[in-house]
Protein backbone atom coordinates (compact mmCIF):
# COMPACT_ATOMS: atom_id res chain seq x y z
CA MET A 1 32.72 29.18 47.23
CA LEU A 2 29.78 27.37 45.74
CA LYS A 3 26.74 29.42 44.97
CA LYS A 4 23.93 28.73 47.50
CA PHE A 5 20.56 27.66 46.24
CA LEU A 6 17.57 27.83 48.57
CA LEU A 7 14.24 26.05 47.78
CA TYR A 8 11.99 27.94 50.08
CA ILE A 9 9.07 26.51 52.03
CA LEU A 10 6.47 28.45 50.05
CA LEU A 11 7.61 26.28 46.99
CA GLY A 12 8.27 23.40 49.36
CA TYR A 13 6.13 20.64 47.97
CA PHE A 14 3.59 19.97 45.27
CA SER A 15 0.62 17.73 45.69
CA PHE A 16 -1.20 15.92 42.97
CA SER A 17 -4.45 14.09 43.50
CA CYS A 18 -5.39 10.84 41.88
CA ASN A 19 -8.58 8.79 41.76
CA GLU A 20 -10.07 7.32 44.94
CA ARG A 21 -9.18 3.69 45.80
CA LYS A 22 -10.19 1.23 48.31
CA THR A 23 -7.83 -0.09 51.06
CA ILE A 24 -7.32 -3.65 52.17
CA LYS A 25 -7.44 -3.43 56.00
CA ASN A 26 -6.41 -6.95 56.86
CA VAL A 27 -3.79 -8.94 55.05
CA ASN A 28 -3.76 -12.75 55.28
CA GLN A 29 -0.42 -13.65 56.86
CA SER A 30 -0.45 -17.29 55.61
CA ILE A 31 2.33 -18.29 53.17
CA ILE A 32 1.92 -16.77 49.74
CA GLU A 33 3.46 -18.55 46.75
CA LEU A 34 4.45 -16.26 43.81
CA ASN A 35 5.47 -18.01 40.55
CA ILE A 36 8.15 -15.57 39.44
CA ARG A 37 9.73 -17.82 36.74
CA SER A 38 6.54 -18.03 34.84
CA ILE A 39 5.87 -14.27 34.73
CA ILE A 40 9.41 -13.17 34.03
CA ALA A 41 9.22 -13.73 30.23
CA GLU A 42 6.03 -11.73 29.71
CA ASN A 43 6.03 -8.33 28.12
CA GLU A 44 6.22 -5.42 30.49
CA LYS A 45 3.05 -3.36 30.89
CA GLU A 46 2.47 0.26 31.55
CA VAL A 47 0.67 0.98 34.79
CA LYS A 48 -0.81 4.33 35.79
CA LEU A 49 0.42 5.75 39.06
CA SER A 50 -3.12 6.61 40.04
CA LYS A 51 -3.72 2.80 40.41
CA ILE A 52 -1.70 2.76 43.55
CA ALA A 53 -1.84 6.37 44.86
CA ARG A 54 -4.33 9.04 45.75
CA ASN A 55 -1.74 11.69 46.40
CA ILE A 56 1.75 12.37 44.99
CA LYS A 57 4.09 14.90 46.65
CA PHE A 58 7.26 16.24 45.14
CA ILE A 59 9.59 17.65 47.78
CA PRO A 60 12.71 19.47 46.59
CA LEU A 61 15.48 19.34 49.17
CA GLU A 62 17.11 22.63 50.03
CA THR A 63 20.53 22.98 48.45
CA ASN A 64 23.41 24.81 50.04
CA GLU A 65 27.14 24.16 50.88
CA SER A 66 26.16 22.47 54.18
CA CYS A 67 24.04 19.72 52.55
CA LEU A 68 25.23 18.71 49.15
CA LEU A 69 23.98 15.22 48.56
CA ARG A 70 25.65 12.79 46.20
CA GLY A 71 22.45 10.82 45.94
CA VAL A 72 19.99 9.11 48.22
CA ASN A 73 21.25 5.90 49.79
CA ASN A 74 18.66 5.61 52.51
CA ILE A 75 15.74 7.60 53.99
CA TYR A 76 13.68 7.62 57.14
CA LEU A 77 10.57 9.73 57.87
CA SER A 78 9.70 10.68 61.41
CA GLU A 79 6.70 12.82 62.35
CA ASN A 80 8.37 16.11 61.61
CA TYR A 81 11.61 15.31 59.80
CA ILE A 82 13.19 13.61 56.89
CA PHE A 83 16.59 11.89 57.47
CA ILE A 84 18.69 11.11 54.41
CA THR A 85 22.10 9.69 53.87
CA ASP A 86 24.15 9.39 50.68
CA SER A 87 26.15 6.69 52.59
CA GLN A 88 28.85 9.20 53.64
CA VAL A 89 26.87 11.77 55.66
CA LEU A 90 23.49 11.91 57.39
CA TYR A 91 21.41 15.00 56.93
CA GLN A 92 18.19 16.12 58.60
CA PHE A 93 15.49 18.06 56.79
CA ASN A 94 12.06 19.18 57.83
CA ASN A 95 9.10 17.57 56.13
CA SER A 96 8.98 20.44 53.62
CA GLY A 97 12.54 19.90 52.52
CA LYS A 98 14.27 22.68 54.49
CA PHE A 99 17.78 21.72 55.70
CA ILE A 100 18.02 21.48 59.52
CA ARG A 101 21.44 19.97 60.31
CA GLN A 102 24.08 17.37 59.60
CA ILE A 103 24.20 14.56 62.09
CA GLY A 104 27.76 13.61 63.04
CA LYS A 105 30.63 13.81 60.48
CA PRO A 106 33.20 11.66 58.82
CA GLY A 107 36.40 11.14 60.86
CA LYS A 108 37.98 8.91 63.58
CA GLY A 109 37.24 11.00 66.65
CA PRO A 110 34.42 10.64 69.25
CA GLY A 111 31.10 10.83 67.41
CA GLU A 112 32.66 10.66 64.03
CA HIS A 113 32.09 7.89 61.47
CA GLY A 114 33.56 6.12 58.47
CA ARG A 115 32.65 6.88 54.81
CA ASN A 116 30.12 4.04 54.32
CA ILE A 117 27.42 4.40 56.91
CA LYS A 118 24.02 3.03 57.69
CA PHE A 119 21.51 4.53 60.09
CA THR A 120 18.29 4.01 61.83
CA ILE A 121 15.93 6.04 64.10
CA ASP A 122 14.81 4.98 67.60
CA GLU A 123 11.79 7.06 68.16
CA PHE A 124 11.07 5.22 71.42
CA ASN A 125 14.22 6.46 73.05
CA LYS A 126 14.48 9.59 70.85
CA GLU A 127 17.82 8.63 69.42
CA ILE A 128 19.66 8.39 66.09
CA TYR A 129 21.98 5.45 65.43
CA ILE A 130 24.79 5.70 62.84
CA LEU A 131 26.69 2.54 62.01
CA SER A 132 30.23 2.59 60.55
CA TYR A 133 33.45 0.58 60.57
CA ALA A 134 31.14 -2.53 60.58
CA THR A 135 30.88 -2.63 64.40
CA LEU A 136 30.86 0.97 65.80
CA ILE A 137 27.49 2.73 66.43
CA ASN A 138 27.39 6.41 67.32
CA ILE A 139 24.25 7.51 69.05
CA PHE A 140 22.79 11.10 68.82
CA ASP A 141 19.79 12.86 70.32
CA LEU A 142 16.85 12.85 67.93
CA GLU A 143 15.72 16.42 68.74
CA SER A 144 19.04 18.22 68.96
CA GLY A 145 21.45 16.03 66.92
CA ILE A 146 23.95 16.17 69.67
CA TYR A 147 26.27 13.20 70.09
CA LYS A 148 25.48 11.16 73.19
CA ARG A 149 27.55 7.93 73.30
CA SER A 150 28.85 5.07 71.24
CA LEU A 151 28.36 1.34 71.23
CA GLU A 152 30.60 -1.31 69.81
CA ILE A 153 28.74 -4.39 68.66
CA LYS A 154 31.34 -7.06 67.72
CA LEU A 155 29.34 -8.72 65.03
CA ASP A 156 29.63 -9.06 61.29
CA ILE A 157 26.78 -6.62 60.77
CA ALA A 158 25.04 -6.58 57.31
CA ASN A 159 22.24 -4.18 58.33
CA PHE A 160 20.31 -3.08 61.45
CA TYR A 161 16.90 -1.70 62.38
CA THR A 162 15.23 -0.44 65.52
CA PHE A 163 12.62 -2.70 66.95
CA PRO A 164 9.60 -2.07 69.22
CA LYS A 165 10.33 -0.53 72.63
CA GLY A 166 13.76 0.71 71.78
CA LYS A 167 15.34 -2.67 70.83
CA ILE A 168 17.71 -3.10 67.94
CA THR A 169 17.91 -5.93 65.42
CA PHE A 170 21.27 -6.76 63.71
CA PHE A 171 21.30 -8.94 60.52
CA THR A 172 24.51 -10.84 59.73
CA ARG A 173 25.77 -11.57 56.20
CA ASP A 174 24.85 -14.95 54.77
CA SER A 175 27.72 -17.09 53.43
CA ASN A 176 29.74 -20.22 53.99
CA ILE A 177 30.42 -20.32 57.71
CA ARG A 178 34.07 -21.05 57.15
CA ASN A 179 34.56 -18.12 54.79
CA LEU A 180 33.07 -15.48 57.17
CA LYS A 181 34.23 -17.14 60.44
CA SER A 182 31.01 -15.84 61.93
CA SER A 183 28.29 -17.45 64.00
CA LEU A 184 25.21 -19.31 62.78
CA VAL A 185 22.96 -16.55 64.11
CA GLU A 186 20.96 -14.78 61.29
CA VAL A 187 19.59 -11.89 63.48
CA PHE A 188 20.43 -10.63 66.90
CA LEU A 189 18.25 -8.56 69.19
CA PHE A 190 20.01 -6.09 71.54
CA ASN A 191 18.69 -3.40 73.85
CA ASN A 192 19.81 0.23 73.34
CA GLU A 193 22.63 -0.21 75.90
CA GLY A 194 24.24 -2.88 73.80
CA THR A 195 23.07 -5.98 75.79
CA LEU A 196 22.16 -9.11 73.86
CA GLU A 197 18.57 -10.19 74.56
CA ASP A 198 17.69 -12.78 71.84
CA SER A 199 18.78 -14.27 68.55
CA ILE A 200 17.56 -16.41 65.62
CA LEU A 201 19.69 -19.25 64.24
CA ASN A 202 20.21 -20.07 60.63
CA THR A 203 21.64 -23.64 60.68
CA SER A 204 21.57 -23.93 56.93
CA ARG A 205 24.87 -22.01 56.87
CA THR A 206 26.66 -25.18 57.86
CA GLU A 207 25.51 -26.76 54.54
CA ASN A 208 26.51 -23.80 52.35
CA LYS A 209 29.40 -24.55 49.92
CA SER A 210 28.98 -21.21 48.10
CA ASN A 211 31.71 -18.57 48.30
CA SER A 212 29.11 -15.83 47.62
CA VAL A 213 28.05 -13.33 50.36
CA ALA A 214 24.29 -12.50 50.56
CA PHE A 215 22.79 -9.46 52.27
CA PRO A 216 19.24 -9.08 53.53
CA THR A 217 16.67 -6.88 51.69
CA SER A 218 14.38 -5.52 54.37
CA TYR A 219 11.36 -3.22 54.94
CA ILE A 220 8.94 -2.42 57.76
CA ASN A 221 5.17 -2.60 57.27
CA ASN A 222 3.91 -2.95 60.82
CA ASN A 223 6.30 -5.98 61.23
CA LEU A 224 9.88 -6.18 60.01
CA PHE A 225 10.13 -8.18 56.76
CA TYR A 226 13.30 -9.56 55.13
CA VAL A 227 14.63 -11.81 52.48
CA TYR A 228 18.24 -12.66 51.87
CA HIS A 229 19.74 -12.30 48.43
CA TYR A 230 19.88 -15.58 46.44
CA LYS A 231 17.18 -17.16 48.64
CA ASP A 232 13.48 -17.79 47.89
CA THR A 233 11.61 -16.96 51.18
CA LEU A 234 10.42 -13.70 52.61
CA PHE A 235 10.13 -13.80 56.39
CA TYR A 236 8.76 -11.42 58.99
CA LEU A 237 9.60 -10.84 62.66
CA THR A 238 6.65 -10.23 64.96
CA LYS A 239 6.84 -7.70 67.82
CA ASP A 240 7.85 -10.48 70.23
CA PHE A 241 10.82 -11.40 67.97
CA LYS A 242 9.35 -14.64 66.37
CA LYS A 243 10.28 -15.55 62.81
CA HIS A 244 7.59 -16.59 60.34
CA PRO A 245 7.63 -17.30 56.57
CA TYR A 246 5.40 -15.00 54.57
CA VAL A 247 6.12 -15.36 50.82
CA PHE A 248 7.70 -18.18 48.83
CA PHE A 249 9.16 -17.03 45.53
CA ASN A 250 9.07 -19.82 42.91
CA LEU A 251 12.08 -18.77 41.00
CA GLY A 252 12.71 -22.01 39.16
CA ASN A 253 16.48 -21.92 39.48
CA LYS A 254 18.35 -24.98 38.37
CA ILE A 255 21.15 -24.45 40.86
CA ASN A 256 20.78 -24.11 44.64
CA ARG A 257 21.98 -20.88 46.32
CA ASN A 258 24.31 -23.13 48.46
CA GLU A 259 26.18 -24.26 45.30
CA LEU A 260 26.95 -20.85 43.78
CA TYR A 261 30.52 -20.22 43.11
CA ILE A 262 31.36 -16.54 42.20
CA GLU A 263 34.52 -15.93 40.30
CA PRO A 264 36.33 -12.57 41.05
CA ILE A 265 35.88 -11.16 37.60
CA GLN A 266 34.73 -7.60 37.07
CA ASN A 267 31.87 -6.75 34.80
CA LYS A 268 30.85 -10.30 33.99
CA ILE A 269 27.40 -11.53 34.59
CA GLN A 270 27.68 -15.03 36.11
CA TYR A 271 24.73 -17.55 36.28
CA PRO A 272 22.71 -15.41 33.86
CA ASP A 273 19.61 -17.62 34.32
CA PHE A 274 19.77 -17.42 38.07
CA LEU A 275 16.85 -15.29 39.37
CA TRP A 276 16.88 -13.63 42.80
CA VAL A 277 15.04 -10.86 44.71
CA SER A 278 17.12 -7.77 44.86
CA ASN A 279 14.51 -5.54 46.48
CA ILE A 280 11.03 -5.86 47.79
CA LEU A 281 8.54 -3.35 49.37
CA GLU A 282 4.89 -3.65 50.42
CA ASN A 283 1.87 -1.63 51.45
CA ASN A 284 -1.65 -2.83 52.18
CA GLU A 285 -2.57 -3.53 48.55
CA PHE A 286 0.59 -4.20 46.58
CA MET A 287 4.03 -5.80 46.69
CA PHE A 288 6.70 -4.21 44.64
CA ILE A 289 9.29 -6.77 43.64
CA THR A 290 12.64 -6.22 41.81
CA ILE A 291 14.08 -9.41 40.30
CA GLN A 292 17.70 -9.69 38.95
CA ASN A 293 19.02 -12.02 36.39
CA GLY A 294 22.47 -13.31 37.19
CA ILE A 295 25.16 -12.17 39.55
CA ALA A 296 27.95 -9.71 38.76
CA ILE A 297 30.89 -7.88 40.47
CA GLY A 298 31.04 -4.22 39.35
CA ASN A 299 28.11 -4.48 37.03
CA ILE A 300 24.29 -4.43 37.37
CA PRO A 301 22.57 -7.49 35.69
CA ASN A 302 19.22 -7.11 34.00
CA THR A 303 16.41 -6.38 36.36
CA LYS A 304 12.60 -6.94 36.05
CA LYS A 305 10.05 -5.06 38.04
CA ILE A 306 6.98 -7.04 39.10
CA ILE A 307 3.81 -5.82 40.89
CA TYR A 308 1.83 -8.32 43.04
CA GLU A 309 -1.87 -7.35 43.53
CA LYS A 310 -2.94 -8.70 46.82
CA ARG A 311 -6.64 -8.26 46.06
CA SER A 312 -6.63 -10.14 42.70
CA GLY A 313 -3.62 -12.27 43.27
CA ARG A 314 -2.16 -11.17 39.90
CA LEU A 315 1.54 -10.72 39.05
CA ILE A 316 2.15 -7.85 36.68
CA PRO A 317 5.53 -7.31 34.98
CA THR A 318 6.15 -3.62 34.45
CA TYR A 319 8.81 -1.08 33.66
CA GLY A 320 7.52 1.25 36.35
CA TYR A 321 4.52 3.43 36.98
CA VAL A 322 3.60 6.27 34.66
CA LYS A 323 2.82 9.49 36.45
CA ASP A 324 -0.49 10.81 35.20
CA GLY A 325 -0.29 14.54 34.34
CA CYS A 326 3.41 14.74 34.38
CA GLY A 327 4.25 13.90 30.84
CA GLY A 328 4.91 10.21 31.38
CA LEU A 329 7.37 10.48 34.29
CA PHE A 330 8.26 6.93 35.56
CA PHE A 331 8.04 6.12 39.23
CA TRP A 332 9.22 2.92 41.01
CA PRO A 333 9.41 2.86 44.92
CA ARG A 334 12.74 2.49 46.54
CA TRP A 335 11.62 2.79 50.22
CA ILE A 336 8.47 2.61 52.25
CA SER A 337 7.81 4.54 55.41
CA ASP A 338 4.56 4.69 57.34
CA GLY A 339 2.66 3.36 54.28
CA LYS A 340 4.18 5.99 51.94
CA LEU A 341 6.09 4.76 48.85
CA ILE A 342 9.19 6.82 48.27
CA SER A 343 11.55 7.44 45.47
CA TYR A 344 13.61 10.34 44.18
CA TYR A 345 14.79 12.01 41.01
CA HIS A 346 17.95 13.99 40.43
CA SER A 347 17.13 17.55 39.65
CA TYR A 348 18.81 17.31 36.26
CA GLU A 349 16.59 14.34 35.46
CA LEU A 350 13.42 16.32 35.94
CA ILE A 351 14.84 19.31 34.00
CA ASP A 352 15.83 17.14 31.04
CA HIS A 353 12.54 15.23 31.11
CA TYR A 354 10.61 18.50 31.00
CA LYS A 355 12.70 19.87 28.17
CA LEU A 356 12.18 16.76 26.06
CA THR A 357 8.41 16.51 26.64
CA LYS A 358 7.12 20.07 27.12
CA GLU A 359 6.12 20.37 23.48
CA THR A 360 4.37 17.00 23.24
CA ASP A 361 2.98 16.12 26.73
CA ASP A 362 0.50 17.77 29.10
CA HIS A 363 2.30 18.79 32.22
CA SER A 364 0.49 20.20 35.30
CA GLU A 365 1.10 23.76 36.33
CA ASP A 366 2.50 22.46 39.63
CA PHE A 367 4.96 20.31 37.86
CA LYS A 368 6.04 23.27 35.66
CA LYS A 369 6.48 25.34 38.79
CA LEU A 370 8.64 22.64 40.41
CA VAL A 371 11.01 22.44 37.37
CA SER A 372 11.23 26.31 37.18
CA ILE A 373 12.88 26.44 40.68
CA LEU A 374 15.43 23.70 39.98
CA GLU A 375 18.94 23.88 38.64
CA GLU A 376 20.92 20.90 37.53
CA ASN A 377 23.26 20.78 40.48
CA HIS A 378 20.46 21.08 43.10
CA ASN A 379 19.85 18.34 45.61
CA PRO A 380 17.55 15.47 44.63
CA VAL A 381 13.72 15.85 44.70
CA LEU A 382 11.95 13.26 46.77
CA VAL A 383 8.62 11.71 45.54
CA PHE A 384 6.05 10.37 48.04
CA ALA A 385 3.09 8.30 46.87
CA ASP A 386 0.16 7.23 49.22
């Protein structure tokens, strides 16, 4: 039996205050052009985390035999709970990191799912949706975690999100229409009973000669925003399901996405000069853009982190934010929820960082207390910045 480790609520989270900052209340929704190619060669700059956040919270997740996370694949914050998946299991914690329950389990029976899952939360209908086997959605009660029913959506689903008033959006993979044998619809809108209500076409798929498969990178910041890999435009969907362009990324690529041909070779970077947006997040003042150079199978090409300051219109290449008062700990957001920027560290990363820097850097007492309760095989520690 594995030894149980409990991170109690009285040690639950640690808050750090940063300098006051102003907030942009209204963001101009006209098309923004960002000249990524021109900024990509500049030297990376160190940026203090206090530039973007007033408060930083570290939340250690309780560790026991019932909730051993392999990592953090996706996260959702509700009013009282944190939902986390490592792509195999969905766990529910309270907002101080105490384990509540596991939602569903791997298997092939009713209410059971495959090993590579995606999930979303429908707070309008108080339901949890777990997608597995590409088309099967298991639905659970939000409060109790009890299995309610299943839906089978016969689409080639790349990702899905709940939409206002209990609707669900399903994004399809982007590729040569003949390769995928799928429809020209980019995103579908269903109600929570599985009935199709609307859709958005992507007729450019008929012109696509590429054999590559692209997935959407998405986030919610009032509206639902998304950009497909290898493409240059970020769109958003309004609450009445209308698609609008928001940001044009001037990537300066010499080859069009529709002409890419990816050879099935492991660990080889192909098209090394081809830039594409692998992830993007946004709050009221900043965009956080991750750019990749080249395409690879089984390998991660070089990445570049870029901050877009909405107030000044500046693009800043950076290697991540440095946490003031924590000995130079780096932070780069992986998700956003209700305006909070979210990332995580493995417990061993925090322990090793402290050991390497405790003699040379000034660590806060709260940070020292956090490290003191961790062991290397504990669950990850979440970091919230707002």
